[in-house]
Protein backbone atom coordinates (compact mmCIF):
# COMPACT_ATOMS: atom_id res chain seq x y z
CA UNK A 1 23.11 10.79 -35.20
CA UNK A 2 22.72 8.69 -32.08
CA UNK A 3 19.69 9.24 -29.90
CA UNK A 4 20.18 8.70 -26.19
CA UNK A 5 18.47 9.40 -22.96
CA UNK A 6 20.07 12.23 -21.07
CA UNK A 7 19.99 11.99 -17.34
CA UNK A 8 20.32 14.68 -14.76
CA UNK A 9 20.53 14.52 -11.00
CA UNK A 10 17.27 15.03 -9.19
CA UNK A 11 16.89 18.60 -8.01
CA UNK A 12 16.08 18.75 -4.34
CA UNK A 13 13.72 21.37 -2.95
CA UNK A 14 15.33 24.50 -1.63
CA UNK A 15 15.79 24.91 2.10
CA UNK A 16 13.01 27.53 2.13
CA UNK A 17 10.50 24.95 0.93
CA UNK A 18 11.81 22.37 3.39
CA UNK A 19 11.71 24.75 6.35
CA UNK A 20 8.07 25.55 5.71
CA UNK A 21 7.30 21.87 6.16
CA UNK A 22 7.49 21.38 9.92
CA UNK A 23 7.71 17.60 9.60
CA UNK A 24 10.62 17.60 7.18
CA UNK A 25 13.40 17.42 9.72
CA UNK A 26 15.75 15.10 7.89
CA UNK A 27 16.59 16.05 4.33
CA UNK A 28 18.89 14.33 1.94
CA UNK A 29 22.10 16.31 1.68
CA UNK A 30 23.17 14.84 -1.61
CA UNK A 31 21.56 12.74 -4.29
CA UNK A 32 23.40 9.75 -5.70
CA UNK A 33 20.49 8.76 -7.97
CA UNK A 34 19.52 10.04 -11.37
CA UNK A 35 16.22 10.77 -12.97
CA UNK A 36 15.19 10.72 -16.59
CA UNK A 37 13.06 13.80 -16.26
CA UNK A 38 14.61 16.75 -14.46
CA UNK A 39 12.33 18.15 -11.79
CA UNK A 40 12.47 21.88 -11.27
CA UNK A 41 12.18 23.08 -7.70
CA UNK A 42 8.88 24.82 -8.48
CA UNK A 43 7.32 21.52 -9.56
CA UNK A 44 8.18 19.72 -6.32
CA UNK A 45 5.29 20.79 -4.19
CA UNK A 46 5.07 20.63 -0.43
CA UNK A 47 2.60 17.68 -0.36
CA UNK A 48 4.93 15.57 -2.49
CA UNK A 49 7.88 16.40 -0.25
CA UNK A 50 5.78 15.67 2.86
CA UNK A 51 4.72 12.25 1.54
CA UNK A 52 8.27 11.44 0.48
CA UNK A 53 9.61 12.38 3.91
CA UNK A 54 6.88 10.38 5.67
CA UNK A 55 7.77 7.25 3.74
CA UNK A 56 11.35 7.47 4.99
CA UNK A 57 10.46 7.76 8.69
CA UNK A 58 10.64 4.91 11.20
CA UNK A 59 7.49 3.60 12.87
CA UNK A 60 7.60 5.88 15.93
CA UNK A 61 8.17 8.97 13.81
CA UNK A 62 5.33 7.89 11.51
CA UNK A 63 3.01 7.55 14.52
CA UNK A 64 4.00 11.02 15.69
CA UNK A 65 3.46 12.45 12.18
CA UNK A 66 0.01 10.81 11.98
CA UNK A 67 -1.02 12.31 15.32
CA UNK A 68 0.23 15.76 14.29
CA UNK A 69 -1.61 15.52 10.97
CA UNK A 70 -4.86 14.43 12.63
CA UNK A 71 -4.59 17.27 15.15
CA UNK A 72 -3.99 19.80 12.38
CA UNK A 73 -7.01 18.48 10.48
CA UNK A 74 -9.13 18.67 13.63
CA UNK A 75 -8.38 22.40 13.70
CA UNK A 76 -8.88 22.96 9.97
CA UNK A 77 -10.56 20.22 7.93
CA UNK A 78 -9.94 22.07 4.64
CA UNK A 79 -6.14 22.21 4.96
CA UNK A 80 -5.00 20.62 1.68
CA UNK A 81 -1.47 19.82 2.83
CA UNK A 82 -2.66 17.85 5.84
CA UNK A 83 -5.43 16.15 3.86
CA UNK A 84 -2.86 14.97 1.33
CA UNK A 85 -0.50 13.91 4.12
CA UNK A 86 -3.25 11.86 5.75
CA UNK A 87 -4.11 10.21 2.43
CA UNK A 88 -0.42 9.35 1.98
CA UNK A 89 -0.26 7.93 5.51
CA UNK A 90 -3.02 5.49 4.61
CA UNK A 91 -1.93 4.80 1.01
CA UNK A 92 1.86 4.41 1.19
CA UNK A 93 3.08 0.83 1.37
CA UNK A 94 5.80 1.76 3.87
CA UNK A 95 3.30 3.26 6.32
CA UNK A 96 2.60 1.52 9.61
CA UNK A 97 -1.00 2.83 9.42
CA UNK A 98 -1.64 1.56 5.89
CA UNK A 99 -5.37 1.31 5.19
CA UNK A 100 -6.36 1.17 1.54
CA UNK A 101 -10.06 1.77 2.22
CA UNK A 102 -9.47 4.97 4.20
CA UNK A 103 -6.94 6.10 1.60
CA UNK A 104 -9.46 5.48 -1.19
CA UNK A 105 -12.06 7.73 0.43
CA UNK A 106 -9.55 10.51 1.14
CA UNK A 107 -7.98 10.31 -2.32
CA UNK A 108 -11.39 10.40 -4.01
CA UNK A 109 -12.23 13.57 -2.10
CA UNK A 110 -8.88 15.10 -3.03
CA UNK A 111 -9.30 14.17 -6.71
CA UNK A 112 -12.56 16.12 -6.76
CA UNK A 113 -11.08 19.13 -4.95
CA UNK A 114 -10.92 22.21 -7.18
CA UNK A 115 -8.24 23.93 -5.09
CA UNK A 116 -5.44 21.53 -6.10
CA UNK A 117 -2.91 22.66 -8.66
CA UNK A 118 -2.09 20.45 -11.66
CA UNK A 119 1.04 18.95 -10.11
CA UNK A 120 -0.80 17.96 -6.95
CA UNK A 121 -3.72 16.59 -8.98
CA UNK A 122 -1.33 14.42 -10.99
CA UNK A 123 0.32 13.23 -7.77
CA UNK A 124 -3.05 12.41 -6.20
CA UNK A 125 -4.19 10.63 -9.37
CA UNK A 126 -1.10 8.43 -9.34
CA UNK A 127 -1.54 7.53 -5.69
CA UNK A 128 -5.26 6.93 -6.33
CA UNK A 129 -4.49 4.52 -9.21
CA UNK A 130 -1.88 2.73 -7.08
CA UNK A 131 -4.35 2.47 -4.20
CA UNK A 132 -7.08 1.09 -6.49
CA UNK A 133 -4.71 -1.61 -7.71
CA UNK A 134 -3.80 -2.34 -4.11
CA UNK A 135 -7.49 -2.73 -3.20
CA UNK A 136 -7.99 -5.07 -6.17
CA UNK A 137 -4.99 -7.16 -5.11
CA UNK A 138 -6.25 -7.32 -1.52
CA UNK A 139 -9.68 -8.47 -2.75
CA UNK A 140 -8.05 -11.08 -4.99
CA UNK A 141 -5.96 -12.26 -2.06
CA UNK A 142 -9.08 -12.58 0.13
CA UNK A 143 -10.90 -14.46 -2.64
CA UNK A 144 -7.92 -16.78 -3.08
CA UNK A 145 -7.80 -17.38 0.68
CA UNK A 146 -11.53 -18.24 0.72
CA UNK A 147 -11.06 -20.57 -2.24
CA UNK A 148 -8.09 -22.23 -0.56
CA UNK A 149 -10.07 -22.68 2.65
CA UNK A 150 -12.94 -24.23 0.70
CA UNK A 151 -10.59 -26.58 -1.13
CA UNK A 152 -8.89 -27.51 2.14
CA UNK A 153 -12.24 -28.39 3.70
CA UNK A 154 -13.17 -30.49 0.66
CA UNK A 155 -9.79 -32.23 0.80
CA UNK A 156 -10.21 -33.02 4.50
CA UNK A 157 -13.72 -34.36 3.88
CA UNK A 158 -12.48 -36.58 1.02
CA UNK A 159 -9.58 -37.72 3.17
CA UNK A 160 -12.03 -38.80 5.90
CA UNK A 161 -14.13 -40.66 3.31
CA UNK A 162 -11.00 -42.34 1.98
CA UNK A 163 -9.96 -43.41 5.49
CA UNK A 164 -13.47 -44.77 6.16
CA UNK A 165 -13.43 -46.67 2.85
CA UNK A 166 -9.98 -48.04 3.61
CA UNK A 167 -11.19 -49.26 7.02
CA UNK A 168 -14.16 -51.00 5.36
CA UNK A 169 -11.81 -52.61 2.84
CA UNK A 170 -9.57 -53.90 5.65
CA UNK A 171 -12.62 -55.28 7.45
CA UNK A 172 -13.80 -57.02 4.27
CA UNK A 173 -10.34 -58.54 3.72
CA UNK A 174 -10.35 -59.80 7.32
CA UNK A 175 -13.77 -61.37 6.78
CA UNK A 176 -12.54 -62.97 3.54
CA UNK A 177 -9.48 -64.40 5.35
CA UNK A 178 -11.68 -65.89 8.07
CA UNK A 179 -13.93 -67.51 5.45
CA UNK A 180 -10.95 -68.96 3.59
CA UNK A 181 -9.53 -70.43 6.82
CA UNK A 182 -12.77 -72.35 7.55
């Protein structure tokens, strides 16, 4: 008996779910990709759809979405959907407003929130882990840049010493030539 991996097309959220998300204007009409794990419509929650849609927007639409999200949070700071959207805005690599530090704070607060369902908690945990790795990579990059700058300064200093030594050597050779001529 051969064991294989069955694939099924990704199930897109129903139009009712999409219409309740005011920012989800453009939806994918058909799906040419496949997924290894079928996703039932009930499991695709509104925050996941909102983050997915945000990542597909152009810069101007992302700016507009960020402003709308911030305005909604100004009215109701406990709105989970908008809190998750804002965390996605700062955490997603395709976001123009990417800020790993802000995302870390928001995601930590969301991870500790008791009102999230299991699907949303898993989604937040994955984004949180991704963001932590991103922060580590940014720190490593900064450390590498500092190290490179330090090595560059040392190289330039040694280069100056070498040039000074070479000039002294040339002067000594000139003195030696003058003594040999006499």
